[in-house]
Amino acid sequence: MGSETRIFNFICYEKFLVYYWRIFLQATQSCGRVVDRARAWCSMIGVPYFRFCPPLSEDIPMDEKSDEKLLNMVWECIVYMKSQKEHVAELAEILRNN
């Protein structure tokens, strides 16, 4: 393979990574335009929309190993879900009836 082909392949790969990263960031947003659009789209077609996204006191990496941080995250999630009891019950009822 010539050097021009390698450079072209590298540029294509780099563009793919940038594109993939943008899609990943949009798909994992917890607020903003993406969430607003999803809520509006569901409303438009008559589908109930539920989004449970507990606010955490700190960012927790996927490979976190600290028991203290992980337990704090679990506790914050439990507290949040208890505060959303009515929405959880509504979702459970929809799931049971369908």
PDB file of N, CA and C in Angstrom:
ATOM      1  N   MET A   1       0.847  -1.180   0.000  1.00  0.00           N
ATOM      2  CA  MET A   1       0.000   0.000   0.000  1.00  0.00           C
ATOM      3  C   MET A   1       0.889   1.239   0.000  1.00  0.00           C
ATOM      4  N   GLY A   2       0.549   2.206  -0.829  1.00  0.00           N
ATOM      5  CA  GLY A   2       1.322   3.427  -0.893  1.00  0.00           C
ATOM      6  C   GLY A   2       1.030   4.340   0.280  1.00  0.00           C
ATOM      7  N   SER A   3       1.894   5.321   0.462  1.00  0.00           N
ATOM      8  CA  SER A   3       1.725   6.235   1.596  1.00  0.00           C
ATOM      9  C   SER A   3       0.462   7.084   1.448  1.00  0.00           C
ATOM     10  N   GLU A   4       0.096   7.409   0.197  1.00  0.00           N
ATOM     11  CA  GLU A   4      -1.125   8.198  -0.024  1.00  0.00           C
ATOM     12  C   GLU A   4      -2.360   7.410   0.410  1.00  0.00           C
ATOM     13  N   THR A   5      -2.377   6.128   0.123  1.00  0.00           N
ATOM     14  CA  THR A   5      -3.503   5.285   0.510  1.00  0.00           C
ATOM     15  C   THR A   5      -3.595   5.173   2.022  1.00  0.00           C
ATOM     16  N   ARG A   6      -2.439   5.031   2.700  1.00  0.00           N
ATOM     17  CA  ARG A   6      -2.446   4.956   4.162  1.00  0.00           C
ATOM     18  C   ARG A   6      -2.950   6.245   4.783  1.00  0.00           C
ATOM     19  N   ILE A   7      -2.532   7.364   4.234  1.00  0.00           N
ATOM     20  CA  ILE A   7      -2.991   8.670   4.752  1.00  0.00           C
ATOM     21  C   ILE A   7      -4.493   8.803   4.541  1.00  0.00           C
ATOM     22  N   PHE A   8      -4.970   8.412   3.338  1.00  0.00           N
ATOM     23  CA  PHE A   8      -6.402   8.478   3.057  1.00  0.00           C
ATOM     24  C   PHE A   8      -7.187   7.590   4.020  1.00  0.00           C
ATOM     25  N   ASN A   9      -6.705   6.359   4.251  1.00  0.00           N
ATOM     26  CA  ASN A   9      -7.380   5.452   5.186  1.00  0.00           C
ATOM     27  C   ASN A   9      -7.402   6.020   6.598  1.00  0.00           C
ATOM     28  N   PHE A  10      -6.302   6.627   7.017  1.00  0.00           N
ATOM     29  CA  PHE A  10      -6.242   7.226   8.348  1.00  0.00           C
ATOM     30  C   PHE A  10      -7.242   8.366   8.482  1.00  0.00           C
ATOM     31  N   ILE A  11      -7.333   9.202   7.469  1.00  0.00           N
ATOM     32  CA  ILE A  11      -8.277  10.331   7.508  1.00  0.00           C
ATOM     33  C   ILE A  11      -9.711   9.814   7.562  1.00  0.00           C
ATOM     34  N   CYS A  12     -10.017   8.779   6.755  1.00  0.00           N
ATOM     35  CA  CYS A  12     -11.370   8.199   6.784  1.00  0.00           C
ATOM     36  C   CYS A  12     -11.672   7.612   8.154  1.00  0.00           C
ATOM     37  N   TYR A  13     -10.717   6.920   8.733  1.00  0.00           N
ATOM     38  CA  TYR A  13     -10.898   6.321  10.058  1.00  0.00           C
ATOM     39  C   TYR A  13     -11.104   7.413  11.103  1.00  0.00           C
ATOM     40  N   GLU A  14     -10.318   8.479  11.018  1.00  0.00           N
ATOM     41  CA  GLU A  14     -10.449   9.579  11.972  1.00  0.00           C
ATOM     42  C   GLU A  14     -11.828  10.235  11.858  1.00  0.00           C
ATOM     43  N   LYS A  15     -12.306  10.449  10.633  1.00  0.00           N
ATOM     44  CA  LYS A  15     -13.636  11.033  10.429  1.00  0.00           C
ATOM     45  C   LYS A  15     -14.722  10.118  10.987  1.00  0.00           C
ATOM     46  N   PHE A  16     -14.556   8.812  10.785  1.00  0.00           N
ATOM     47  CA  PHE A  16     -15.513   7.858  11.334  1.00  0.00           C
ATOM     48  C   PHE A  16     -15.562   7.952  12.856  1.00  0.00           C
ATOM     49  N   LEU A  17     -14.408   8.024  13.503  1.00  0.00           N
ATOM     50  CA  LEU A  17     -14.360   8.121  14.963  1.00  0.00           C
ATOM     51  C   LEU A  17     -15.036   9.391  15.463  1.00  0.00           C
ATOM     52  N   VAL A  18     -14.796  10.503  14.798  1.00  0.00           N
ATOM     53  CA  VAL A  18     -15.432  11.772  15.186  1.00  0.00           C
ATOM     54  C   VAL A  18     -16.942  11.657  15.043  1.00  0.00           C
ATOM     55  N   TYR A  19     -17.405  11.104  13.922  1.00  0.00           N
ATOM     56  CA  TYR A  19     -18.838  10.926  13.692  1.00  0.00           C
ATOM     57  C   TYR A  19     -19.442  10.003  14.743  1.00  0.00           C
ATOM     58  N   TYR A  20     -18.788   8.873  15.009  1.00  0.00           N
ATOM     59  CA  TYR A  20     -19.267   7.923  16.010  1.00  0.00           C
ATOM     60  C   TYR A  20     -19.335   8.580  17.385  1.00  0.00           C
ATOM     61  N   TRP A  21     -18.326   9.352  17.746  1.00  0.00           N
ATOM     62  CA  TRP A  21     -18.290  10.016  19.052  1.00  0.00           C
ATOM     63  C   TRP A  21     -19.442  11.008  19.190  1.00  0.00           C
ATOM     64  N   ARG A  22     -19.742  11.750  18.132  1.00  0.00           N
ATOM     65  CA  ARG A  22     -20.871  12.698  18.180  1.00  0.00           C
ATOM     66  C   ARG A  22     -22.199  11.977  18.393  1.00  0.00           C
ATOM     67  N   ILE A  23     -22.393  10.868  17.698  1.00  0.00           N
ATOM     68  CA  ILE A  23     -23.629  10.094  17.872  1.00  0.00           C
ATOM     69  C   ILE A  23     -23.701   9.545  19.291  1.00  0.00           C
ATOM     70  N   PHE A  24     -22.585   9.027  19.790  1.00  0.00           N
ATOM     71  CA  PHE A  24     -22.550   8.503  21.148  1.00  0.00           C
ATOM     72  C   PHE A  24     -22.916   9.587  22.162  1.00  0.00           C
ATOM     73  N   LEU A  25     -22.343  10.767  22.017  1.00  0.00           N
ATOM     74  CA  LEU A  25     -22.632  11.856  22.953  1.00  0.00           C
ATOM     75  C   LEU A  25     -24.105  12.257  22.897  1.00  0.00           C
ATOM     76  N   GLN A  26     -24.675  12.323  21.701  1.00  0.00           N
ATOM     77  CA  GLN A  26     -26.082  12.686  21.580  1.00  0.00           C
ATOM     78  C   GLN A  26     -26.989  11.616  22.171  1.00  0.00           C
ATOM     79  N   ALA A  27     -26.660  10.363  21.943  1.00  0.00           N
ATOM     80  CA  ALA A  27     -27.505   9.271  22.425  1.00  0.00           C
ATOM     81  C   ALA A  27     -27.472   9.133  23.938  1.00  0.00           C
ATOM     82  N   THR A  28     -26.421   9.600  24.564  1.00  0.00           N
ATOM     83  CA  THR A  28     -26.293   9.435  26.011  1.00  0.00           C
ATOM     84  C   THR A  28     -26.548  10.715  26.792  1.00  0.00           C
ATOM     85  N   GLN A  29     -27.027  11.757  26.128  1.00  0.00           N
ATOM     86  CA  GLN A  29     -27.317  12.997  26.840  1.00  0.00           C
ATOM     87  C   GLN A  29     -28.470  12.793  27.809  1.00  0.00           C
ATOM     88  N   SER A  30     -28.359  13.427  28.960  1.00  0.00           N
ATOM     89  CA  SER A  30     -29.432  13.316  29.946  1.00  0.00           C
ATOM     90  C   SER A  30     -30.359  14.531  29.913  1.00  0.00           C
ATOM     91  N   CYS A  31     -30.028  15.515  29.131  1.00  0.00           N
ATOM     92  CA  CYS A  31     -30.886  16.694  28.979  1.00  0.00           C
ATOM     93  C   CYS A  31     -30.518  17.368  27.661  1.00  0.00           C
ATOM     94  N   GLY A  32     -31.274  18.380  27.323  1.00  0.00           N
ATOM     95  CA  GLY A  32     -30.963  19.123  26.111  1.00  0.00           C
ATOM     96  C   GLY A  32     -31.893  18.801  24.965  1.00  0.00           C
ATOM     97  N   ARG A  33     -31.445  19.184  23.771  1.00  0.00           N
ATOM     98  CA  ARG A  33     -32.282  19.070  22.572  1.00  0.00           C
ATOM     99  C   ARG A  33     -32.684  17.637  22.243  1.00  0.00           C
ATOM    100  N   VAL A  34     -31.763  16.711  22.402  1.00  0.00           N
ATOM    101  CA  VAL A  34     -32.066  15.312  22.061  1.00  0.00           C
ATOM    102  C   VAL A  34     -33.210  14.799  22.927  1.00  0.00           C
ATOM    103  N   VAL A  35     -33.158  15.088  24.204  1.00  0.00           N
ATOM    104  CA  VAL A  35     -34.202  14.645  25.130  1.00  0.00           C
ATOM    105  C   VAL A  35     -35.510  15.366  24.821  1.00  0.00           C
ATOM    106  N   ASP A  36     -35.433  16.659  24.554  1.00  0.00           N
ATOM    107  CA  ASP A  36     -36.647  17.422  24.216  1.00  0.00           C
ATOM    108  C   ASP A  36     -37.298  16.884  22.954  1.00  0.00           C
ATOM    109  N   ARG A  37     -36.480  16.556  21.948  1.00  0.00           N
ATOM    110  CA  ARG A  37     -37.034  16.004  20.705  1.00  0.00           C
ATOM    111  C   ARG A  37     -37.686  14.649  20.940  1.00  0.00           C
ATOM    112  N   ALA A  38     -37.037  13.814  21.744  1.00  0.00           N
ATOM    113  CA  ALA A  38     -37.610  12.494  22.029  1.00  0.00           C
ATOM    114  C   ALA A  38     -38.946  12.637  22.741  1.00  0.00           C
ATOM    115  N   ARG A  39     -39.007  13.538  23.719  1.00  0.00           N
ATOM    116  CA  ARG A  39     -40.254  13.767  24.452  1.00  0.00           C
ATOM    117  C   ARG A  39     -41.345  14.294  23.522  1.00  0.00           C
ATOM    118  N   ALA A  40     -40.990  15.234  22.651  1.00  0.00           N
ATOM    119  CA  ALA A  40     -41.971  15.810  21.716  1.00  0.00           C
ATOM    120  C   ALA A  40     -42.447  14.764  20.717  1.00  0.00           C
ATOM    121  N   TRP A  41     -41.535  13.946  20.210  1.00  0.00           N
ATOM    122  CA  TRP A  41     -41.912  12.916  19.253  1.00  0.00           C
ATOM    123  C   TRP A  41     -42.869  11.913  19.887  1.00  0.00           C
ATOM    124  N   CYS A  42     -42.569  11.485  21.107  1.00  0.00           N
ATOM    125  CA  CYS A  42     -43.455  10.544  21.796  1.00  0.00           C
ATOM    126  C   CYS A  42     -44.825  11.169  22.038  1.00  0.00           C
ATOM    127  N   SER A  43     -44.834  12.424  22.425  1.00  0.00           N
ATOM    128  CA  SER A  43     -46.103  13.123  22.649  1.00  0.00           C
ATOM    129  C   SER A  43     -46.913  13.209  21.353  1.00  0.00           C
ATOM    130  N   MET A  44     -46.219  13.479  20.258  1.00  0.00           N
ATOM    131  CA  MET A  44     -46.882  13.632  18.968  1.00  0.00           C
ATOM    132  C   MET A  44     -47.579  12.336  18.541  1.00  0.00           C
ATOM    133  N   ILE A  45     -46.977  11.188  18.830  1.00  0.00           N
ATOM    134  CA  ILE A  45     -47.583   9.923  18.398  1.00  0.00           C
ATOM    135  C   ILE A  45     -48.361   9.241  19.518  1.00  0.00           C
ATOM    136  N   GLY A  46     -48.501   9.919  20.656  1.00  0.00           N
ATOM    137  CA  GLY A  46     -49.326   9.397  21.740  1.00  0.00           C
ATOM    138  C   GLY A  46     -48.682   8.289  22.561  1.00  0.00           C
ATOM    139  N   VAL A  47     -47.371   8.284  22.634  1.00  0.00           N
ATOM    140  CA  VAL A  47     -46.649   7.260  23.396  1.00  0.00           C
ATOM    141  C   VAL A  47     -46.161   7.887  24.706  1.00  0.00           C
ATOM    142  N   PRO A  48     -46.415   7.243  25.828  1.00  0.00           N
ATOM    143  CA  PRO A  48     -45.915   7.787  27.097  1.00  0.00           C
ATOM    144  C   PRO A  48     -44.388   7.859  27.093  1.00  0.00           C
ATOM    145  N   TYR A  49     -43.853   8.900  27.676  1.00  0.00           N
ATOM    146  CA  TYR A  49     -42.397   9.108  27.711  1.00  0.00           C
ATOM    147  C   TYR A  49     -41.943   9.133  29.160  1.00  0.00           C
ATOM    148  N   PHE A  50     -41.027   8.275  29.489  1.00  0.00           N
ATOM    149  CA  PHE A  50     -40.455   8.237  30.837  1.00  0.00           C
ATOM    150  C   PHE A  50     -38.944   8.306  30.707  1.00  0.00           C
ATOM    151  N   ARG A  51     -38.331   9.127  31.508  1.00  0.00           N
ATOM    152  CA  ARG A  51     -36.875   9.213  31.534  1.00  0.00           C
ATOM    153  C   ARG A  51     -36.432   9.337  32.977  1.00  0.00           C
ATOM    154  N   PHE A  52     -35.766   8.328  33.457  1.00  0.00           N
ATOM    155  CA  PHE A  52     -35.258   8.339  34.825  1.00  0.00           C
ATOM    156  C   PHE A  52     -33.748   8.565  34.759  1.00  0.00           C
ATOM    157  N   CYS A  53     -33.319   9.713  35.199  1.00  0.00           N
ATOM    158  CA  CYS A  53     -31.911  10.089  35.130  1.00  0.00           C
ATOM    159  C   CYS A  53     -31.522  10.738  36.454  1.00  0.00           C
ATOM    160  N   PRO A  54     -31.104   9.945  37.416  1.00  0.00           N
ATOM    161  CA  PRO A  54     -30.797  10.496  38.736  1.00  0.00           C
ATOM    162  C   PRO A  54     -29.605  11.450  38.696  1.00  0.00           C
ATOM    163  N   PRO A  55     -29.762  12.617  39.307  1.00  0.00           N
ATOM    164  CA  PRO A  55     -28.623  13.535  39.378  1.00  0.00           C
ATOM    165  C   PRO A  55     -27.606  13.002  40.389  1.00  0.00           C
ATOM    166  N   LEU A  56     -26.384  12.838  39.955  1.00  0.00           N
ATOM    167  CA  LEU A  56     -25.333  12.331  40.832  1.00  0.00           C
ATOM    168  C   LEU A  56     -24.456  13.480  41.299  1.00  0.00           C
ATOM    169  N   SER A  57     -23.915  13.355  42.491  1.00  0.00           N
ATOM    170  CA  SER A  57     -23.099  14.421  43.061  1.00  0.00           C
ATOM    171  C   SER A  57     -21.734  14.531  42.393  1.00  0.00           C
ATOM    172  N   GLU A  58     -21.320  13.481  41.669  1.00  0.00           N
ATOM    173  CA  GLU A  58     -20.045  13.527  40.955  1.00  0.00           C
ATOM    174  C   GLU A  58     -20.091  12.578  39.765  1.00  0.00           C
ATOM    175  N   ASP A  59     -19.224  12.827  38.795  1.00  0.00           N
ATOM    176  CA  ASP A  59     -19.118  11.934  37.644  1.00  0.00           C
ATOM    177  C   ASP A  59     -18.410  10.656  38.084  1.00  0.00           C
ATOM    178  N   ILE A  60     -19.003   9.532  37.725  1.00  0.00           N
ATOM    179  CA  ILE A  60     -18.441   8.244  38.092  1.00  0.00           C
ATOM    180  C   ILE A  60     -17.995   7.541  36.812  1.00  0.00           C
ATOM    181  N   PRO A  61     -16.694   7.255  36.675  1.00  0.00           N
ATOM    182  CA  PRO A  61     -16.241   6.545  35.471  1.00  0.00           C
ATOM    183  C   PRO A  61     -16.755   5.106  35.455  1.00  0.00           C
ATOM    184  N   MET A  62     -16.846   4.537  34.260  1.00  0.00           N
ATOM    185  CA  MET A  62     -17.359   3.177  34.119  1.00  0.00           C
ATOM    186  C   MET A  62     -16.492   2.142  34.833  1.00  0.00           C
ATOM    187  N   ASP A  63     -15.214   2.448  35.011  1.00  0.00           N
ATOM    188  CA  ASP A  63     -14.324   1.484  35.655  1.00  0.00           C
ATOM    189  C   ASP A  63     -14.000   1.858  37.110  1.00  0.00           C
ATOM    190  N   GLU A  64     -14.906   2.585  37.750  1.00  0.00           N
ATOM    191  CA  GLU A  64     -14.696   2.998  39.147  1.00  0.00           C
ATOM    192  C   GLU A  64     -14.584   1.771  40.056  1.00  0.00           C
ATOM    193  N   LYS A  65     -13.631   1.827  40.965  1.00  0.00           N
ATOM    194  CA  LYS A  65     -13.419   0.698  41.879  1.00  0.00           C
ATOM    195  C   LYS A  65     -13.610   1.069  43.343  1.00  0.00           C
ATOM    196  N   SER A  66     -13.778   2.333  43.626  1.00  0.00           N
ATOM    197  CA  SER A  66     -13.937   2.779  45.011  1.00  0.00           C
ATOM    198  C   SER A  66     -15.321   2.391  45.526  1.00  0.00           C
ATOM    199  N   ASP A  67     -15.346   1.535  46.555  1.00  0.00           N
ATOM    200  CA  ASP A  67     -16.625   1.123  47.143  1.00  0.00           C
ATOM    201  C   ASP A  67     -17.404   2.317  47.671  1.00  0.00           C
ATOM    202  N   GLU A  68     -16.719   3.274  48.255  1.00  0.00           N
ATOM    203  CA  GLU A  68     -17.385   4.449  48.817  1.00  0.00           C
ATOM    204  C   GLU A  68     -18.108   5.237  47.727  1.00  0.00           C
ATOM    205  N   LYS A  69     -17.429   5.486  46.603  1.00  0.00           N
ATOM    206  CA  LYS A  69     -18.060   6.227  45.507  1.00  0.00           C
ATOM    207  C   LYS A  69     -19.214   5.443  44.899  1.00  0.00           C
ATOM    208  N   LEU A  70     -19.022   4.142  44.726  1.00  0.00           N
ATOM    209  CA  LEU A  70     -20.078   3.320  44.134  1.00  0.00           C
ATOM    210  C   LEU A  70     -21.301   3.233  45.042  1.00  0.00           C
ATOM    211  N   LEU A  71     -21.079   3.072  46.334  1.00  0.00           N
ATOM    212  CA  LEU A  71     -22.209   3.022  47.269  1.00  0.00           C
ATOM    213  C   LEU A  71     -22.936   4.358  47.331  1.00  0.00           C
ATOM    214  N   ASN A  72     -22.184   5.449  47.261  1.00  0.00           N
ATOM    215  CA  ASN A  72     -22.811   6.772  47.250  1.00  0.00           C
ATOM    216  C   ASN A  72     -23.677   6.931  45.997  1.00  0.00           C
ATOM    217  N   MET A  73     -23.171   6.447  44.851  1.00  0.00           N
ATOM    218  CA  MET A  73     -23.938   6.521  43.615  1.00  0.00           C
ATOM    219  C   MET A  73     -25.226   5.692  43.725  1.00  0.00           C
ATOM    220  N   VAL A  74     -25.113   4.483  44.266  1.00  0.00           N
ATOM    221  CA  VAL A  74     -26.288   3.624  44.434  1.00  0.00           C
ATOM    222  C   VAL A  74     -27.306   4.299  45.355  1.00  0.00           C
ATOM    223  N   TRP A  75     -26.823   4.891  46.451  1.00  0.00           N
ATOM    224  CA  TRP A  75     -27.716   5.567  47.392  1.00  0.00           C
ATOM    225  C   TRP A  75     -28.445   6.729  46.714  1.00  0.00           C
ATOM    226  N   GLU A  76     -27.710   7.530  45.943  1.00  0.00           N
ATOM    227  CA  GLU A  76     -28.330   8.659  45.247  1.00  0.00           C
ATOM    228  C   GLU A  76     -29.377   8.179  44.244  1.00  0.00           C
ATOM    229  N   CYS A  77     -29.117   7.060  43.587  1.00  0.00           N
ATOM    230  CA  CYS A  77     -30.095   6.499  42.643  1.00  0.00           C
ATOM    231  C   CYS A  77     -31.343   6.007  43.369  1.00  0.00           C
ATOM    232  N   ILE A  78     -31.159   5.355  44.512  1.00  0.00           N
ATOM    233  CA  ILE A  78     -32.306   4.874  45.294  1.00  0.00           C
ATOM    234  C   ILE A  78     -33.157   6.041  45.759  1.00  0.00           C
ATOM    235  N   VAL A  79     -32.509   7.077  46.278  1.00  0.00           N
ATOM    236  CA  VAL A  79     -33.250   8.258  46.742  1.00  0.00           C
ATOM    237  C   VAL A  79     -34.018   8.891  45.593  1.00  0.00           C
ATOM    238  N   TYR A  80     -33.379   9.009  44.437  1.00  0.00           N
ATOM    239  CA  TYR A  80     -34.043   9.608  43.278  1.00  0.00           C
ATOM    240  C   TYR A  80     -35.248   8.779  42.850  1.00  0.00           C
ATOM    241  N   MET A  81     -35.071   7.459  42.753  1.00  0.00           N
ATOM    242  CA  MET A  81     -36.178   6.610  42.315  1.00  0.00           C
ATOM    243  C   MET A  81     -37.331   6.626  43.311  1.00  0.00           C
ATOM    244  N   LYS A  82     -37.026   6.724  44.598  1.00  0.00           N
ATOM    245  CA  LYS A  82     -38.104   6.855  45.598  1.00  0.00           C
ATOM    246  C   LYS A  82     -38.859   8.160  45.395  1.00  0.00           C
ATOM    247  N   SER A  83     -38.147   9.215  44.998  1.00  0.00           N
ATOM    248  CA  SER A  83     -38.808  10.505  44.768  1.00  0.00           C
ATOM    249  C   SER A  83     -39.670  10.476  43.503  1.00  0.00           C
ATOM    250  N   GLN A  84     -39.422   9.509  42.630  1.00  0.00           N
ATOM    251  CA  GLN A  84     -40.183   9.370  41.386  1.00  0.00           C
ATOM    252  C   GLN A  84     -41.218   8.250  41.467  1.00  0.00           C
ATOM    253  N   LYS A  85     -41.649   7.949  42.675  1.00  0.00           N
ATOM    254  CA  LYS A  85     -42.530   6.812  42.934  1.00  0.00           C
ATOM    255  C   LYS A  85     -43.785   6.819  42.055  1.00  0.00           C
ATOM    256  N   GLU A  86     -44.399   7.969  41.900  1.00  0.00           N
ATOM    257  CA  GLU A  86     -45.634   8.056  41.105  1.00  0.00           C
ATOM    258  C   GLU A  86     -45.369   7.723  39.637  1.00  0.00           C
ATOM    259  N   HIS A  87     -44.254   8.241  39.091  1.00  0.00           N
ATOM    260  CA  HIS A  87     -43.919   7.960  37.693  1.00  0.00           C
ATOM    261  C   HIS A  87     -43.581   6.488  37.492  1.00  0.00           C
ATOM    262  N   VAL A  88     -42.878   5.891  38.449  1.00  0.00           N
ATOM    263  CA  VAL A  88     -42.544   4.468  38.362  1.00  0.00           C
ATOM    264  C   VAL A  88     -43.821   3.630  38.406  1.00  0.00           C
ATOM    265  N   ALA A  89     -44.756   4.001  39.265  1.00  0.00           N
ATOM    266  CA  ALA A  89     -46.023   3.267  39.358  1.00  0.00           C
ATOM    267  C   ALA A  89     -46.815   3.395  38.056  1.00  0.00           C
ATOM    268  N   GLU A  90     -46.798   4.584  37.462  1.00  0.00           N
ATOM    269  CA  GLU A  90     -47.499   4.798  36.192  1.00  0.00           C
ATOM    270  C   GLU A  90     -46.871   3.936  35.091  1.00  0.00           C
ATOM    271  N   LEU A  91     -45.554   3.907  35.032  1.00  0.00           N
ATOM    272  CA  LEU A  91     -44.869   3.082  34.046  1.00  0.00           C
ATOM    273  C   LEU A  91     -45.154   1.600  34.280  1.00  0.00           C
ATOM    274  N   ALA A  92     -45.130   1.171  35.516  1.00  0.00           N
ATOM    275  CA  ALA A  92     -45.413  -0.230  35.834  1.00  0.00           C
ATOM    276  C   ALA A  92     -46.826  -0.609  35.391  1.00  0.00           C
ATOM    277  N   GLU A  93     -47.770   0.266  35.601  1.00  0.00           N
ATOM    278  CA  GLU A  93     -49.154   0.005  35.190  1.00  0.00           C
ATOM    279  C   GLU A  93     -49.269  -0.128  33.679  1.00  0.00           C
ATOM    280  N   ILE A  94     -48.578   0.736  32.958  1.00  0.00           N
ATOM    281  CA  ILE A  94     -48.588   0.654  31.486  1.00  0.00           C
ATOM    282  C   ILE A  94     -47.985  -0.667  31.029  1.00  0.00           C
ATOM    283  N   LEU A  95     -46.885  -1.063  31.634  1.00  0.00           N
ATOM    284  CA  LEU A  95     -46.226  -2.311  31.253  1.00  0.00           C
ATOM    285  C   LEU A  95     -47.075  -3.538  31.589  1.00  0.00           C
ATOM    286  N   ARG A  96     -47.780  -3.483  32.714  1.00  0.00           N
ATOM    287  CA  ARG A  96     -48.641  -4.611  33.093  1.00  0.00           C
ATOM    288  C   ARG A  96     -49.813  -4.770  32.143  1.00  0.00           C
ATOM    289  N   ASN A  97     -50.359  -3.666  31.654  1.00  0.00           N
ATOM    290  CA  ASN A  97     -51.548  -3.711  30.809  1.00  0.00           C
ATOM    291  C   ASN A  97     -51.239  -3.989  29.349  1.00  0.00           C
ATOM    292  N   ASN A  98     -49.998  -3.933  28.971  1.00  0.00           N
ATOM    293  CA  ASN A  98     -49.662  -4.159  27.554  1.00  0.00           C
ATOM    294  C   ASN A  98     -48.991  -5.451  27.401  1.00  0.00           C
TER     295      ASN A  98
END
